[in-house]
C-alpha atoms as a PDB file:
ATOM      1  CA  MET A   1      22.814 205.888  78.015  1.00  0.00           C
ATOM      2  CA  ARG A   2      24.315 203.775  75.257  1.00  0.00           C
ATOM      3  CA  ARG A   3      20.887 202.205  74.597  1.00  0.00           C
ATOM      4  CA  HIS A   4      19.314 205.664  74.115  1.00  0.00           C
ATOM      5  CA  ALA A   5      22.092 206.620  71.709  1.00  0.00           C
ATOM      6  CA  PHE A   6      21.486 203.412  69.739  1.00  0.00           C
ATOM      7  CA  VAL A   7      17.734 204.062  69.434  1.00  0.00           C
ATOM      8  CA  ALA A   8      18.278 207.695  68.430  1.00  0.00           C
ATOM      9  CA  ALA A   9      20.868 206.771  65.811  1.00  0.00           C
ATOM     10  CA  VAL A  10      18.681 204.046  64.318  1.00  0.00           C
ATOM     11  CA  LEU A  11      15.637 206.285  64.137  1.00  0.00           C
ATOM     12  CA  VAL A  12      17.601 209.005  62.298  1.00  0.00           C
ATOM     13  CA  VAL A  13      18.832 206.503  59.697  1.00  0.00           C
ATOM     14  CA  PHE A  14      15.395 204.888  59.535  1.00  0.00           C
ATOM     15  CA  ALA A  15      13.512 208.150  58.957  1.00  0.00           C
ATOM     16  CA  THR A  16      15.821 209.399  56.208  1.00  0.00           C
ATOM     17  CA  ALA A  17      16.402 206.156  54.289  1.00  0.00           C
ATOM     18  CA  CYS A  18      13.093 204.336  54.509  1.00  0.00           C
ATOM     19  CA  ASN A  19      10.389 206.675  53.236  1.00  0.00           C
ATOM     20  CA  GLN A  20      10.241 206.130  49.490  1.00  0.00           C
ATOM     21  CA  ALA A  21       6.982 206.640  47.587  1.00  0.00           C
ATOM     22  CA  PRO A  22       5.371 203.514  46.064  1.00  0.00           C
ATOM     23  CA  PRO A  23       4.095 203.259  42.505  1.00  0.00           C
ATOM     24  CA  GLU A  24       0.736 204.716  41.539  1.00  0.00           C
ATOM     25  CA  THR A  25      -2.167 202.271  41.429  1.00  0.00           C
ATOM     26  CA  PRO A  26      -5.761 202.796  40.211  1.00  0.00           C
ATOM     27  CA  LYS A  27      -8.064 203.323  43.168  1.00  0.00           C
ATOM     28  CA  ASP A  28     -11.747 203.707  43.961  1.00  0.00           C
ATOM     29  CA  SER A  29     -13.776 204.659  47.010  1.00  0.00           C
ATOM     30  CA  ALA A  30     -12.455 201.957  49.339  1.00  0.00           C
ATOM     31  CA  PRO A  31     -11.716 203.367  52.829  1.00  0.00           C
ATOM     32  CA  VAL A  32      -8.014 202.490  52.721  1.00  0.00           C
ATOM     33  CA  VAL A  33      -6.196 203.678  49.607  1.00  0.00           C
ATOM     34  CA  ALA A  34      -2.669 204.355  48.406  1.00  0.00           C
ATOM     35  CA  GLY A  35      -0.585 205.157  45.369  1.00  0.00           C
ATOM     36  CA  ALA A  36       2.019 207.685  44.383  1.00  0.00           C
ATOM     37  CA  PRO A  37       2.626 209.925  41.378  1.00  0.00           C
ATOM     38  CA  GLU A  38       6.276 208.928  41.034  1.00  0.00           C
ATOM     39  CA  PRO A  39       7.660 205.370  41.348  1.00  0.00           C
ATOM     40  CA  ALA A  40      10.617 204.979  43.674  1.00  0.00           C
ATOM     41  CA  SER A  41      13.968 203.607  42.625  1.00  0.00           C
ATOM     42  CA  PRO A  42      15.236 200.546  44.471  1.00  0.00           C
ATOM     43  CA  SER A  43      16.743 201.353  47.876  1.00  0.00           C
ATOM     44  CA  PRO A  44      17.693 198.857  50.561  1.00  0.00           C
ATOM     45  CA  CYS A  45      16.305 199.116  54.080  1.00  0.00           C
ATOM     46  CA  PRO A  46      18.737 200.750  56.501  1.00  0.00           C
ATOM     47  CA  SER A  47      20.742 198.586  58.848  1.00  0.00           C
ATOM     48  CA  ALA A  48      21.207 199.232  62.537  1.00  0.00           C
ATOM     49  CA  PRO A  49      24.401 201.216  63.248  1.00  0.00           C
ATOM     50  CA  THR A  50      27.442 199.367  64.525  1.00  0.00           C
ATOM     51  CA  HIS A  51      28.843 202.360  66.459  1.00  0.00           C
ATOM     52  CA  ASP A  52      27.283 204.715  68.975  1.00  0.00           C
ATOM     53  CA  ALA A  53      27.211 208.523  68.751  1.00  0.00           C
ATOM     54  CA  ASP A  54      30.767 208.701  70.146  1.00  0.00           C
ATOM     55  CA  GLY A  55      32.131 206.282  67.548  1.00  0.00           C
ATOM     56  CA  ASN A  56      32.453 203.366  69.953  1.00  0.00           C
ATOM     57  CA  PRO A  57      31.670 199.875  68.593  1.00  0.00           C
ATOM     58  CA  MET A  58      28.573 198.281  70.037  1.00  0.00           C
ATOM     59  CA  PRO A  59      27.033 194.851  69.588  1.00  0.00           C
ATOM     60  CA  LEU A  60      23.795 194.564  67.691  1.00  0.00           C
ATOM     61  CA  PRO A  61      20.839 193.682  69.913  1.00  0.00           C
ATOM     62  CA  GLU A  62      19.393 190.196  69.942  1.00  0.00           C
ATOM     63  CA  TRP A  63      15.603 190.033  69.916  1.00  0.00           C
ATOM     64  CA  THR A  64      13.794 187.115  71.543  1.00  0.00           C
ATOM     65  CA  THR A  65      10.704 185.663  69.894  1.00  0.00           C
ATOM     66  CA  ASP A  66       8.443 186.928  72.702  1.00  0.00           C
ATOM     67  CA  SER A  67       9.892 190.477  72.672  1.00  0.00           C
ATOM     68  CA  PRO A  68       8.031 193.354  70.955  1.00  0.00           C
ATOM     69  CA  VAL A  69      10.351 193.091  67.941  1.00  0.00           C
ATOM     70  CA  GLY A  70      10.023 189.302  67.819  1.00  0.00           C
ATOM     71  CA  VAL A  71       6.232 189.467  68.001  1.00  0.00           C
ATOM     72  CA  THR A  72       6.110 192.150  65.294  1.00  0.00           C
ATOM     73  CA  SER A  73       8.469 190.244  63.016  1.00  0.00           C
ATOM     74  CA  ASN A  74       6.541 186.990  63.409  1.00  0.00           C
ATOM     75  CA  PHE A  75       3.191 188.638  62.684  1.00  0.00           C
ATOM     76  CA  TYR A  76       4.268 190.528  59.574  1.00  0.00           C
ATOM     77  CA  GLU A  77       6.615 187.933  58.113  1.00  0.00           C
ATOM     78  CA  LYS A  78       4.741 184.710  58.926  1.00  0.00           C
ATOM     79  CA  VAL A  79       1.116 185.350  59.965  1.00  0.00           C
ATOM     80  CA  LEU A  80      -0.012 188.392  57.989  1.00  0.00           C
ATOM     81  CA  VAL A  81       2.163 188.293  54.866  1.00  0.00           C
ATOM     82  CA  GLY A  82       0.149 187.770  51.689  1.00  0.00           C
ATOM     83  CA  THR A  83      -3.224 188.368  53.390  1.00  0.00           C
ATOM     84  CA  ASP A  84      -3.085 192.055  54.375  1.00  0.00           C
ATOM     85  CA  ALA A  85      -4.557 193.610  51.228  1.00  0.00           C
ATOM     86  CA  GLY A  86      -8.008 192.093  51.651  1.00  0.00           C
ATOM     87  CA  GLY A  87      -9.542 194.713  53.914  1.00  0.00           C
ATOM     88  CA  ALA A  88     -11.206 193.607  57.133  1.00  0.00           C
ATOM     89  CA  PRO A  89     -10.580 189.917  57.918  1.00  0.00           C
ATOM     90  CA  ASP A  90     -13.256 187.254  57.780  1.00  0.00           C
ATOM     91  CA  ALA A  91     -14.019 185.252  60.932  1.00  0.00           C
ATOM     92  CA  ALA A  92     -11.448 182.518  60.259  1.00  0.00           C
ATOM     93  CA  GLN A  93      -8.710 184.985  59.439  1.00  0.00           C
ATOM     94  CA  LEU A  94      -9.410 187.089  62.508  1.00  0.00           C
ATOM     95  CA  GLU A  95      -9.264 183.979  64.655  1.00  0.00           C
ATOM     96  CA  ALA A  96      -5.810 183.201  63.242  1.00  0.00           C
ATOM     97  CA  TRP A  97      -4.671 186.754  63.989  1.00  0.00           C
ATOM     98  CA  ARG A  98      -6.204 186.872  67.476  1.00  0.00           C
ATOM     99  CA  PRO A  99      -3.200 185.523  69.460  1.00  0.00           C
ATOM    100  CA  HIS A 100      -1.015 188.271  68.010  1.00  0.00           C
ATOM    101  CA  LEU A 101      -3.346 191.249  68.513  1.00  0.00           C
ATOM    102  CA  SER A 102      -4.665 193.155  71.512  1.00  0.00           C
ATOM    103  CA  ARG A 103      -8.262 192.598  72.573  1.00  0.00           C
ATOM    104  CA  ALA A 104      -9.136 196.177  71.595  1.00  0.00           C
ATOM    105  CA  LEU A 105      -7.731 195.736  68.079  1.00  0.00           C
ATOM    106  CA  VAL A 106      -9.490 192.391  67.583  1.00  0.00           C
ATOM    107  CA  ASP A 107     -12.792 194.015  68.597  1.00  0.00           C
ATOM    108  CA  ALA A 108     -12.217 196.936  66.206  1.00  0.00           C
ATOM    109  CA  LEU A 109     -11.446 194.603  63.301  1.00  0.00           C
ATOM    110  CA  ALA A 110     -14.580 192.596  64.081  1.00  0.00           C
ATOM    111  CA  ARG A 111     -16.631 195.818  63.948  1.00  0.00           C
ATOM    112  CA  ALA A 112     -15.087 196.641  60.562  1.00  0.00           C
ATOM    113  CA  ALA A 113     -16.017 193.204  59.222  1.00  0.00           C
ATOM    114  CA  ALA A 114     -19.559 193.598  60.538  1.00  0.00           C
ATOM    115  CA  ALA A 115     -19.865 197.034  58.904  1.00  0.00           C
ATOM    116  CA  ARG A 116     -18.626 195.603  55.610  1.00  0.00           C
ATOM    117  CA  ASP A 117     -21.082 192.704  55.693  1.00  0.00           C
ATOM    118  CA  ALA A 118     -24.018 194.940  56.692  1.00  0.00           C
ATOM    119  CA  ALA A 119     -23.289 197.431  53.917  1.00  0.00           C
ATOM    120  CA  ALA A 120     -22.949 194.642  51.340  1.00  0.00           C
ATOM    121  CA  ALA A 121     -26.305 193.180  52.376  1.00  0.00           C
ATOM    122  CA  ALA A 122     -28.022 196.567  52.314  1.00  0.00           C
ATOM    123  CA  ALA A 123     -26.627 197.644  48.938  1.00  0.00           C
ATOM    124  CA  PRO A 124     -25.430 194.606  46.935  1.00  0.00           C
ATOM    125  CA  ASP A 125     -24.557 196.713  43.875  1.00  0.00           C
ATOM    126  CA  GLU A 126     -22.261 199.073  45.785  1.00  0.00           C
ATOM    127  CA  LYS A 127     -18.779 198.474  47.125  1.00  0.00           C
ATOM    128  CA  PRO A 128     -18.904 198.274  50.938  1.00  0.00           C
ATOM    129  CA  PRO A 129     -16.267 199.763  53.251  1.00  0.00           C
ATOM    130  CA  TYR A 130     -13.309 197.703  54.460  1.00  0.00           C
ATOM    131  CA  VAL A 131     -13.661 195.294  51.554  1.00  0.00           C
ATOM    132  CA  GLU A 132     -10.125 195.612  50.180  1.00  0.00           C
ATOM    133  CA  GLY A 133      -6.772 197.257  50.749  1.00  0.00           C
ATOM    134  CA  SER A 134      -4.085 196.920  53.386  1.00  0.00           C
ATOM    135  CA  LEU A 135      -4.970 197.801  56.957  1.00  0.00           C
ATOM    136  CA  PHE A 136      -1.639 197.034  58.622  1.00  0.00           C
ATOM    137  CA  SER A 137       0.615 199.177  56.400  1.00  0.00           C
ATOM    138  CA  SER A 138       0.590 202.496  54.538  1.00  0.00           C
ATOM    139  CA  LEU A 139       0.360 201.000  51.052  1.00  0.00           C
ATOM    140  CA  PHE A 140      -3.004 199.898  49.630  1.00  0.00           C
ATOM    141  CA  GLU A 141      -1.406 196.844  47.989  1.00  0.00           C
ATOM    142  CA  GLY A 142       0.228 195.723  51.230  1.00  0.00           C
ATOM    143  CA  TYR A 143       3.889 194.707  51.304  1.00  0.00           C
ATOM    144  CA  THR A 144       6.287 192.025  50.175  1.00  0.00           C
ATOM    145  CA  GLY A 145       8.828 192.442  52.969  1.00  0.00           C
ATOM    146  CA  ALA A 146       8.889 193.835  56.515  1.00  0.00           C
ATOM    147  CA  GLN A 147      11.997 194.516  58.574  1.00  0.00           C
ATOM    148  CA  PRO A 148      11.698 195.702  62.187  1.00  0.00           C
ATOM    149  CA  ILE A 149      14.578 198.034  62.987  1.00  0.00           C
ATOM    150  CA  THR A 150      14.573 198.746  66.731  1.00  0.00           C
ATOM    151  CA  VAL A 151      12.213 199.269  69.674  1.00  0.00           C
ATOM    152  CA  ALA A 152      11.275 201.957  72.172  1.00  0.00           C
ATOM    153  CA  MET A 153       9.654 200.689  75.386  1.00  0.00           C
ATOM    154  CA  GLU A 154       7.808 202.427  78.184  1.00  0.00           C
ATOM    155  CA  GLY A 155       6.303 200.175  80.829  1.00  0.00           C
ATOM    156  CA  GLU A 156       3.670 197.909  79.328  1.00  0.00           C
ATOM    157  CA  ARG A 157       3.796 199.576  75.921  1.00  0.00           C
ATOM    158  CA  ALA A 158       6.293 199.450  73.064  1.00  0.00           C
ATOM    159  CA  THR A 159       6.821 200.977  69.628  1.00  0.00           C
ATOM    160  CA  VAL A 160       8.600 199.064  66.861  1.00  0.00           C
ATOM    161  CA  PRO A 161       9.552 201.035  63.716  1.00  0.00           C
ATOM    162  CA  VAL A 162       9.320 198.782  60.656  1.00  0.00           C
ATOM    163  CA  CYS A 163      10.790 199.285  57.197  1.00  0.00           C
ATOM    164  CA  PHE A 164       8.313 197.915  54.657  1.00  0.00           C
ATOM    165  CA  ARG A 165       9.176 196.857  51.131  1.00  0.00           C
ATOM    166  CA  TYR A 166       6.913 196.376  48.138  1.00  0.00           C
ATOM    167  CA  GLU A 167       8.117 194.947  44.846  1.00  0.00           C
ATOM    168  CA  GLY A 168       5.595 195.199  42.039  1.00  0.00           C
ATOM    169  CA  GLY A 169       5.342 193.062  38.940  1.00  0.00           C
ATOM    170  CA  ASP A 170       7.214 195.739  36.982  1.00  0.00           C
ATOM    171  CA  GLY A 171      10.252 195.293  39.207  1.00  0.00           C
ATOM    172  CA  VAL A 172       9.880 198.685  40.913  1.00  0.00           C
ATOM    173  CA  VAL A 173      10.822 198.459  44.590  1.00  0.00           C
ATOM    174  CA  SER A 174       9.333 200.881  47.110  1.00  0.00           C
ATOM    175  CA  GLU A 175      10.124 201.313  50.806  1.00  0.00           C
ATOM    176  CA  TRP A 176       8.494 203.239  53.618  1.00  0.00           C
ATOM    177  CA  ALA A 177       8.387 203.391  57.394  1.00  0.00           C
ATOM    178  CA  ASP A 178       5.422 202.594  59.664  1.00  0.00           C
ATOM    179  CA  SER A 179       5.479 202.212  63.447  1.00  0.00           C
ATOM    180  CA  VAL A 180       3.814 199.259  65.152  1.00  0.00           C
ATOM    181  CA  LYS A 181       2.402 199.865  68.639  1.00  0.00           C
ATOM    182  CA  LEU A 182       2.258 196.965  71.106  1.00  0.00           C
ATOM    183  CA  VAL A 183       0.753 196.488  74.530  1.00  0.00           C
ATOM    184  CA  ARG A 184       1.461 193.803  77.100  1.00  0.00           C
ATOM    185  CA  GLU A 185      -1.668 191.771  77.860  1.00  0.00           C
ATOM    186  CA  ASP A 186      -1.844 188.652  80.011  1.00  0.00           C
ATOM    187  CA  GLY A 187       1.955 188.569  80.145  1.00  0.00           C
ATOM    188  CA  ALA A 188       2.447 188.662  76.354  1.00  0.00           C
ATOM    189  CA  TRP A 189       3.198 191.438  73.867  1.00  0.00           C
ATOM    190  CA  ARG A 190       0.417 191.999  71.338  1.00  0.00           C
ATOM    191  CA  ILE A 191       0.023 194.425  68.440  1.00  0.00           C
ATOM    192  CA  ASP A 192      -2.398 197.200  69.370  1.00  0.00           C
ATOM    193  CA  ASP A 193      -2.118 199.775  66.568  1.00  0.00           C
ATOM    194  CA  VAL A 194      -0.121 200.884  63.533  1.00  0.00           C
ATOM    195  CA  VAL A 195       0.973 204.472  62.922  1.00  0.00           C
ATOM    196  CA  TYR A 196       1.107 204.981  59.165  1.00  0.00           C
ATOM    197  CA  GLY A 197       4.225 206.743  57.926  1.00  0.00           C
ATOM    198  CA  GLY A 198       3.805 206.819  54.133  1.00  0.00           C
ATOM    199  CA  GLN A 199       4.409 210.294  52.697  1.00  0.00           C
ATOM    200  CA  TRP A 200       2.960 209.894  49.189  1.00  0.00           C
ATOM    201  CA  ASP A 201      -0.453 210.987  47.923  1.00  0.00           C
ATOM    202  CA  PHE A 202      -3.293 208.678  49.008  1.00  0.00           C
ATOM    203  CA  ALA A 203      -1.202 206.744  51.519  1.00  0.00           C
ATOM    204  CA  ASN A 204      -3.043 205.557  54.602  1.00  0.00           C
ATOM    205  CA  THR A 205      -2.858 208.337  57.172  1.00  0.00           C
ATOM    206  CA  GLY A 206      -3.229 208.481  60.936  1.00  0.00           C
ATOM    207  CA  THR A 207      -3.409 205.086  62.591  1.00  0.00           C
ATOM    208  CA  LEU A 208      -5.051 201.714  62.022  1.00  0.00           C
ATOM    209  CA  ARG A 209      -7.311 202.084  65.046  1.00  0.00           C
ATOM    210  CA  GLU A 210      -8.475 205.506  63.829  1.00  0.00           C
ATOM    211  CA  ALA A 211      -9.459 203.968  60.478  1.00  0.00           C
ATOM    212  CA  LEU A 212     -11.669 201.308  62.083  1.00  0.00           C
ATOM    213  CA  PRO A 213     -15.224 201.757  63.440  1.00  0.00           C
ATOM    214  CA  LYS A 214     -15.590 202.950  67.028  1.00  0.00           C
ATOM    215  CA  GLN A 215     -17.978 201.377  69.487  1.00  0.00           C
END
């Protein structure tokens, strides 16, 4: 019961404090776009509460590296960081991501790369789909920081809300909340989808899997 109270309390803080609009950025017809009419003022990501709904102190959870939160943190902060705004990955990049992603998501990203390459070959003077922009977060430019907050688990699936941070060259800091979906495959947690949570104009909407080509 205490665990459910912790998750509920975190999600309330998370939803209200981590949904700031990022700065506006020139865009074109790329399939994943973002930008906002009003830049956000700096605002720190929320911290997990130290007391439950009844006011009782509770210890903060400890996440293991192979837990859904650990896997999410490692992917966004070590594997993906700095490479997410380039659209669909090339073969080498996808191979580096493969151990962290579900088989279904790897296949979908491979289809996106194939669609990009086919469109570029067919119309060299036109911008192909999936050629630029972030796929794993709501903001076209990607992110400069990612902080998983908590986790909700149901059997072989898990959802990890993440507070993303983007600091532009002008010093404007923006924050927003996306939710990372994971599935347990071959005994390991792997990222299967991302539910975009950005609330500004031209933010990525829906989910990552919905934005990628179907079979």
